[in-house]
N, C-alpha and C. Protein backbone atom coordinates (compact mmCIF):
# COMPACT_ATOMS: atom_id res chain seq x y z
N UNK A 1 215.26 138.21 -23.65
CA UNK A 1 214.31 138.62 -22.63
C UNK A 1 212.90 138.45 -23.18
N UNK A 2 212.06 137.79 -22.42
CA UNK A 2 210.66 137.64 -22.81
C UNK A 2 209.86 138.70 -22.06
N UNK A 3 209.10 139.51 -22.76
CA UNK A 3 208.21 140.48 -22.13
C UNK A 3 206.86 140.36 -22.79
N UNK A 4 205.83 140.51 -22.00
CA UNK A 4 204.50 140.38 -22.57
C UNK A 4 203.50 141.14 -21.74
N UNK A 5 202.60 141.85 -22.41
CA UNK A 5 201.50 142.53 -21.74
C UNK A 5 200.22 141.93 -22.28
N UNK A 6 199.48 141.29 -21.43
CA UNK A 6 198.23 140.68 -21.85
C UNK A 6 197.20 141.02 -20.79
N UNK A 7 196.27 141.86 -21.16
CA UNK A 7 195.22 142.23 -20.22
C UNK A 7 194.45 140.98 -19.84
N UNK A 8 194.09 140.79 -18.63
CA UNK A 8 194.30 141.63 -17.46
C UNK A 8 195.52 141.22 -16.62
N UNK A 9 196.39 140.39 -17.18
CA UNK A 9 197.58 139.96 -16.45
C UNK A 9 198.82 140.53 -17.13
N UNK A 10 199.69 141.13 -16.34
CA UNK A 10 200.97 141.61 -16.84
C UNK A 10 202.02 140.63 -16.34
N UNK A 11 202.85 140.13 -17.26
CA UNK A 11 203.90 139.22 -16.82
C UNK A 11 205.20 139.53 -17.53
N UNK A 12 206.31 139.16 -16.89
CA UNK A 12 207.62 139.55 -17.37
C UNK A 12 208.65 138.50 -16.96
N UNK A 13 209.60 138.28 -17.84
CA UNK A 13 210.79 137.49 -17.52
C UNK A 13 211.95 138.48 -17.52
N UNK A 14 212.56 138.73 -16.36
CA UNK A 14 213.61 139.75 -16.29
C UNK A 14 214.87 139.37 -17.07
N UNK A 15 215.68 140.36 -17.36
CA UNK A 15 216.98 140.16 -18.01
C UNK A 15 217.76 139.12 -17.21
N UNK A 16 218.31 138.12 -17.87
CA UNK A 16 219.05 137.06 -17.19
C UNK A 16 218.15 136.05 -16.51
N UNK A 17 216.84 136.08 -16.81
CA UNK A 17 215.88 135.23 -16.14
C UNK A 17 215.70 133.86 -16.77
N UNK A 18 216.55 133.50 -17.75
CA UNK A 18 216.49 132.17 -18.37
C UNK A 18 217.84 131.49 -18.16
N UNK A 19 217.80 130.32 -17.51
CA UNK A 19 219.04 129.58 -17.25
C UNK A 19 218.86 128.12 -17.63
N UNK A 20 219.94 127.51 -18.08
CA UNK A 20 219.94 126.09 -18.46
C UNK A 20 220.67 125.31 -17.36
N UNK A 21 220.21 124.08 -17.10
CA UNK A 21 220.84 123.26 -16.06
C UNK A 21 220.79 121.80 -16.47
N UNK A 22 221.80 121.06 -16.06
CA UNK A 22 221.83 119.62 -16.28
C UNK A 22 221.39 118.85 -15.05
N UNK A 23 221.07 119.59 -13.98
CA UNK A 23 220.64 118.95 -12.74
C UNK A 23 219.74 119.92 -11.99
N UNK A 24 218.57 119.45 -11.53
CA UNK A 24 217.68 120.24 -10.68
C UNK A 24 216.90 119.25 -9.83
N UNK A 25 217.37 119.02 -8.62
CA UNK A 25 216.79 117.99 -7.74
C UNK A 25 216.72 116.65 -8.46
N UNK A 26 217.71 116.36 -9.26
CA UNK A 26 217.78 115.14 -10.05
C UNK A 26 218.12 115.48 -11.48
N UNK A 27 218.58 114.49 -12.24
CA UNK A 27 218.94 114.75 -13.63
C UNK A 27 217.70 114.74 -14.54
N UNK A 28 217.80 115.39 -15.71
CA UNK A 28 216.70 115.31 -16.68
C UNK A 28 216.74 113.95 -17.37
N UNK A 29 215.71 113.66 -18.15
CA UNK A 29 215.73 112.44 -18.96
C UNK A 29 216.93 112.48 -19.90
N UNK A 30 217.42 111.33 -20.29
CA UNK A 30 218.58 111.25 -21.17
C UNK A 30 218.34 112.06 -22.45
N UNK A 31 219.34 112.88 -22.83
CA UNK A 31 219.25 113.70 -24.03
C UNK A 31 218.54 115.03 -23.82
N UNK A 32 218.12 115.31 -22.59
CA UNK A 32 217.42 116.56 -22.29
C UNK A 32 218.22 117.43 -21.34
N UNK A 33 217.76 118.65 -21.17
CA UNK A 33 218.31 119.58 -20.18
C UNK A 33 217.14 120.35 -19.58
N UNK A 34 217.39 120.97 -18.43
CA UNK A 34 216.39 121.78 -17.78
C UNK A 34 216.54 123.23 -18.21
N UNK A 35 215.42 123.93 -18.23
CA UNK A 35 215.41 125.37 -18.43
C UNK A 35 214.64 125.96 -17.26
N UNK A 36 215.28 126.86 -16.53
CA UNK A 36 214.63 127.58 -15.43
C UNK A 36 214.32 128.99 -15.91
N UNK A 37 213.06 129.39 -15.78
CA UNK A 37 212.62 130.71 -16.25
C UNK A 37 212.02 131.46 -15.06
N UNK A 38 212.61 132.61 -14.74
CA UNK A 38 212.05 133.48 -13.70
C UNK A 38 210.86 134.21 -14.31
N UNK A 39 209.75 134.22 -13.61
CA UNK A 39 208.56 134.92 -14.11
C UNK A 39 207.94 135.73 -12.97
N UNK A 40 207.52 136.95 -13.32
CA UNK A 40 206.80 137.83 -12.40
C UNK A 40 205.45 138.12 -13.03
N UNK A 41 204.37 137.95 -12.27
CA UNK A 41 203.01 138.18 -12.77
C UNK A 41 202.25 139.08 -11.82
N UNK A 42 201.47 140.00 -12.39
CA UNK A 42 200.61 140.87 -11.62
C UNK A 42 199.24 140.91 -12.28
N UNK A 43 198.20 140.78 -11.48
CA UNK A 43 196.83 140.84 -11.99
C UNK A 43 196.34 142.29 -11.92
N UNK A 44 195.88 142.81 -13.04
CA UNK A 44 195.30 144.15 -13.05
C UNK A 44 193.84 144.12 -12.61
N UNK A 45 193.21 142.96 -12.77
CA UNK A 45 191.83 142.73 -12.36
C UNK A 45 191.77 141.38 -11.67
N UNK A 46 190.63 141.09 -11.03
CA UNK A 46 190.45 139.74 -10.48
C UNK A 46 190.33 138.79 -11.66
N UNK A 47 191.11 137.70 -11.65
CA UNK A 47 191.15 136.76 -12.75
C UNK A 47 190.13 135.64 -12.49
N UNK A 48 189.25 135.42 -13.45
CA UNK A 48 188.17 134.46 -13.28
C UNK A 48 188.50 133.04 -13.67
N UNK A 49 189.75 132.77 -14.02
CA UNK A 49 190.15 131.41 -14.36
C UNK A 49 191.36 131.03 -13.53
N UNK A 50 191.54 129.73 -13.26
CA UNK A 50 192.70 129.32 -12.46
C UNK A 50 193.99 129.35 -13.29
N UNK A 51 195.07 129.73 -12.65
CA UNK A 51 196.39 129.63 -13.25
C UNK A 51 196.88 128.22 -12.96
N UNK A 52 197.17 127.48 -14.02
CA UNK A 52 197.60 126.08 -13.94
C UNK A 52 198.94 125.93 -14.65
N UNK A 53 199.69 124.84 -14.40
CA UNK A 53 200.91 124.64 -15.17
C UNK A 53 200.67 124.70 -16.68
N UNK A 54 199.54 124.19 -17.15
CA UNK A 54 199.28 124.17 -18.60
C UNK A 54 198.93 125.54 -19.19
N UNK A 55 198.86 126.58 -18.35
CA UNK A 55 198.70 127.94 -18.88
C UNK A 55 200.01 128.43 -19.50
N UNK A 56 201.12 127.84 -19.08
CA UNK A 56 202.44 128.25 -19.57
C UNK A 56 202.96 127.25 -20.60
N UNK A 57 203.62 127.75 -21.62
CA UNK A 57 204.29 126.91 -22.61
C UNK A 57 205.59 127.59 -23.01
N UNK A 58 206.64 126.82 -23.08
CA UNK A 58 207.93 127.32 -23.54
C UNK A 58 208.15 126.83 -24.96
N UNK A 59 208.37 127.73 -25.89
CA UNK A 59 208.64 127.33 -27.26
C UNK A 59 210.16 127.23 -27.45
N UNK A 60 210.60 126.08 -27.98
CA UNK A 60 212.03 125.90 -28.19
C UNK A 60 212.43 126.36 -29.59
N UNK A 61 213.72 126.22 -29.89
CA UNK A 61 214.27 126.70 -31.16
C UNK A 61 213.74 125.95 -32.38
N UNK A 62 213.04 124.85 -32.17
CA UNK A 62 212.39 124.13 -33.29
C UNK A 62 210.88 124.36 -33.28
N UNK A 63 210.45 125.35 -32.52
CA UNK A 63 209.03 125.75 -32.43
C UNK A 63 208.14 124.68 -31.78
N UNK A 64 208.75 123.80 -30.99
CA UNK A 64 208.01 122.80 -30.21
C UNK A 64 207.70 123.42 -28.85
N UNK A 65 206.47 123.21 -28.37
CA UNK A 65 206.04 123.77 -27.10
C UNK A 65 206.15 122.74 -25.98
N UNK A 66 206.62 123.21 -24.84
CA UNK A 66 206.81 122.36 -23.67
C UNK A 66 206.08 122.97 -22.48
N UNK A 67 205.40 122.14 -21.70
CA UNK A 67 204.74 122.59 -20.48
C UNK A 67 205.74 122.56 -19.32
N UNK A 68 205.56 123.43 -18.32
CA UNK A 68 206.45 123.38 -17.15
C UNK A 68 206.18 122.12 -16.33
N UNK A 69 207.19 121.68 -15.63
CA UNK A 69 207.05 120.54 -14.74
C UNK A 69 206.29 120.97 -13.49
N UNK A 70 205.46 120.09 -12.97
CA UNK A 70 204.67 120.43 -11.78
C UNK A 70 205.57 120.64 -10.56
N UNK A 71 206.80 120.17 -10.61
CA UNK A 71 207.73 120.40 -9.50
C UNK A 71 208.51 121.72 -9.65
N UNK A 72 208.03 122.58 -10.54
CA UNK A 72 208.60 123.92 -10.66
C UNK A 72 208.48 124.65 -9.32
N UNK A 73 209.52 125.38 -8.89
CA UNK A 73 209.42 126.14 -7.64
C UNK A 73 208.19 127.06 -7.61
N UNK A 74 207.81 127.62 -8.74
CA UNK A 74 206.63 128.49 -8.83
C UNK A 74 205.38 127.76 -8.34
N UNK A 75 205.18 126.52 -8.80
CA UNK A 75 203.98 125.77 -8.43
C UNK A 75 204.10 125.13 -7.06
N UNK A 76 205.30 124.87 -6.59
CA UNK A 76 205.48 124.40 -5.22
C UNK A 76 205.06 125.51 -4.26
N UNK A 77 205.38 126.76 -4.59
CA UNK A 77 205.02 127.90 -3.75
C UNK A 77 203.53 128.19 -3.78
N UNK A 78 202.92 128.23 -4.97
CA UNK A 78 201.53 128.69 -5.11
C UNK A 78 200.51 127.57 -5.33
N UNK A 79 200.97 126.36 -5.56
CA UNK A 79 200.07 125.26 -5.84
C UNK A 79 199.84 125.09 -7.33
N UNK A 80 199.30 123.94 -7.72
CA UNK A 80 199.09 123.63 -9.14
C UNK A 80 197.86 124.30 -9.73
N UNK A 81 197.11 125.03 -8.91
CA UNK A 81 195.94 125.75 -9.39
C UNK A 81 195.65 126.88 -8.40
N UNK A 82 195.68 128.12 -8.89
CA UNK A 82 195.39 129.25 -8.02
C UNK A 82 194.73 130.36 -8.83
N UNK A 83 194.03 131.23 -8.11
CA UNK A 83 193.37 132.39 -8.72
C UNK A 83 194.14 133.64 -8.33
N UNK A 84 194.02 134.66 -9.14
CA UNK A 84 194.70 135.93 -8.88
C UNK A 84 193.66 137.02 -8.64
N UNK A 85 193.80 137.73 -7.52
CA UNK A 85 192.95 138.88 -7.25
C UNK A 85 193.64 140.14 -7.75
N UNK A 86 192.87 141.20 -7.89
CA UNK A 86 193.40 142.47 -8.39
C UNK A 86 194.62 142.91 -7.58
N UNK A 87 195.65 143.31 -8.31
CA UNK A 87 196.92 143.82 -7.76
C UNK A 87 197.77 142.76 -7.06
N UNK A 88 197.36 141.49 -7.10
CA UNK A 88 198.21 140.44 -6.54
C UNK A 88 199.39 140.19 -7.46
N UNK A 89 200.53 139.91 -6.85
CA UNK A 89 201.76 139.64 -7.59
C UNK A 89 202.25 138.25 -7.23
N UNK A 90 202.69 137.52 -8.25
CA UNK A 90 203.24 136.18 -8.07
C UNK A 90 204.59 136.15 -8.78
N UNK A 91 205.60 135.56 -8.15
CA UNK A 91 206.92 135.49 -8.74
C UNK A 91 207.57 134.16 -8.39
N UNK A 92 208.33 133.62 -9.32
CA UNK A 92 209.03 132.38 -9.05
C UNK A 92 209.67 131.82 -10.30
N UNK A 93 210.16 130.60 -10.18
CA UNK A 93 210.86 129.93 -11.27
C UNK A 93 210.00 128.81 -11.85
N UNK A 94 209.86 128.83 -13.17
CA UNK A 94 209.21 127.73 -13.89
C UNK A 94 210.31 126.80 -14.37
N UNK A 95 210.10 125.50 -14.24
CA UNK A 95 211.08 124.50 -14.66
C UNK A 95 210.53 123.73 -15.86
N UNK A 96 211.29 123.76 -16.95
CA UNK A 96 210.93 123.04 -18.16
C UNK A 96 212.03 122.03 -18.47
N UNK A 97 211.68 121.00 -19.21
CA UNK A 97 212.67 120.03 -19.70
C UNK A 97 212.55 119.98 -21.21
N UNK A 98 213.67 120.28 -21.90
CA UNK A 98 213.68 120.31 -23.36
C UNK A 98 214.87 119.51 -23.88
N UNK A 99 214.86 119.12 -25.16
CA UNK A 99 216.02 118.42 -25.71
C UNK A 99 217.30 119.25 -25.57
N UNK A 100 218.40 118.59 -25.28
CA UNK A 100 219.67 119.25 -24.98
C UNK A 100 220.19 120.10 -26.13
N UNK A 101 219.82 119.78 -27.36
CA UNK A 101 220.35 120.53 -28.51
C UNK A 101 219.50 121.75 -28.88
N UNK A 102 218.51 122.09 -28.07
CA UNK A 102 217.63 123.22 -28.38
C UNK A 102 217.78 124.34 -27.37
N UNK A 103 217.30 125.52 -27.74
CA UNK A 103 217.30 126.68 -26.86
C UNK A 103 215.86 127.14 -26.62
N UNK A 104 215.67 127.81 -25.52
CA UNK A 104 214.37 128.42 -25.22
C UNK A 104 214.23 129.68 -26.05
N UNK A 105 213.09 129.83 -26.74
CA UNK A 105 212.91 131.01 -27.58
C UNK A 105 211.80 131.93 -27.11
N UNK A 106 210.71 131.37 -26.57
CA UNK A 106 209.58 132.21 -26.23
C UNK A 106 208.77 131.55 -25.11
N UNK A 107 208.29 132.36 -24.19
CA UNK A 107 207.40 131.87 -23.15
C UNK A 107 206.00 132.37 -23.46
N UNK A 108 205.04 131.46 -23.48
CA UNK A 108 203.66 131.79 -23.77
C UNK A 108 202.82 131.59 -22.53
N UNK A 109 201.81 132.44 -22.36
CA UNK A 109 200.86 132.29 -21.25
C UNK A 109 199.48 132.57 -21.78
N UNK A 110 198.55 131.70 -21.46
CA UNK A 110 197.16 131.90 -21.86
C UNK A 110 196.29 131.04 -20.97
N UNK A 111 195.02 131.37 -20.93
CA UNK A 111 194.06 130.57 -20.19
C UNK A 111 194.05 129.16 -20.75
N UNK A 112 194.11 128.16 -19.86
CA UNK A 112 194.06 126.76 -20.32
C UNK A 112 192.63 126.27 -20.28
N UNK A 113 192.17 125.75 -21.40
CA UNK A 113 190.82 125.19 -21.50
C UNK A 113 190.95 123.73 -21.86
N UNK A 114 190.30 122.85 -21.10
CA UNK A 114 190.36 121.42 -21.40
C UNK A 114 189.47 121.06 -22.56
């Protein structure tokens, strides 16, 4: 279970919220698998930066970081860039693609700066 409290955003991956799949609206690249991660986010304050796919990173069992796919259900619902107002809640599934021989170990979230 991934849990994290980071002011001003509280986010959580519930128990059982990480699943592996060999198919999600199509197969992954050869030698890879999909990881679906349920995430719930609540803003304690108005957030002054956009939430983008690159704000999230999944660390695998070899400590390699992977960005979610833009076709993640989470981003299909909310768009590839959105702002959070105080007390707003966002929930959905992030879709990652990682090598088949690895496991998801940690979900990271931070402001993305180009």
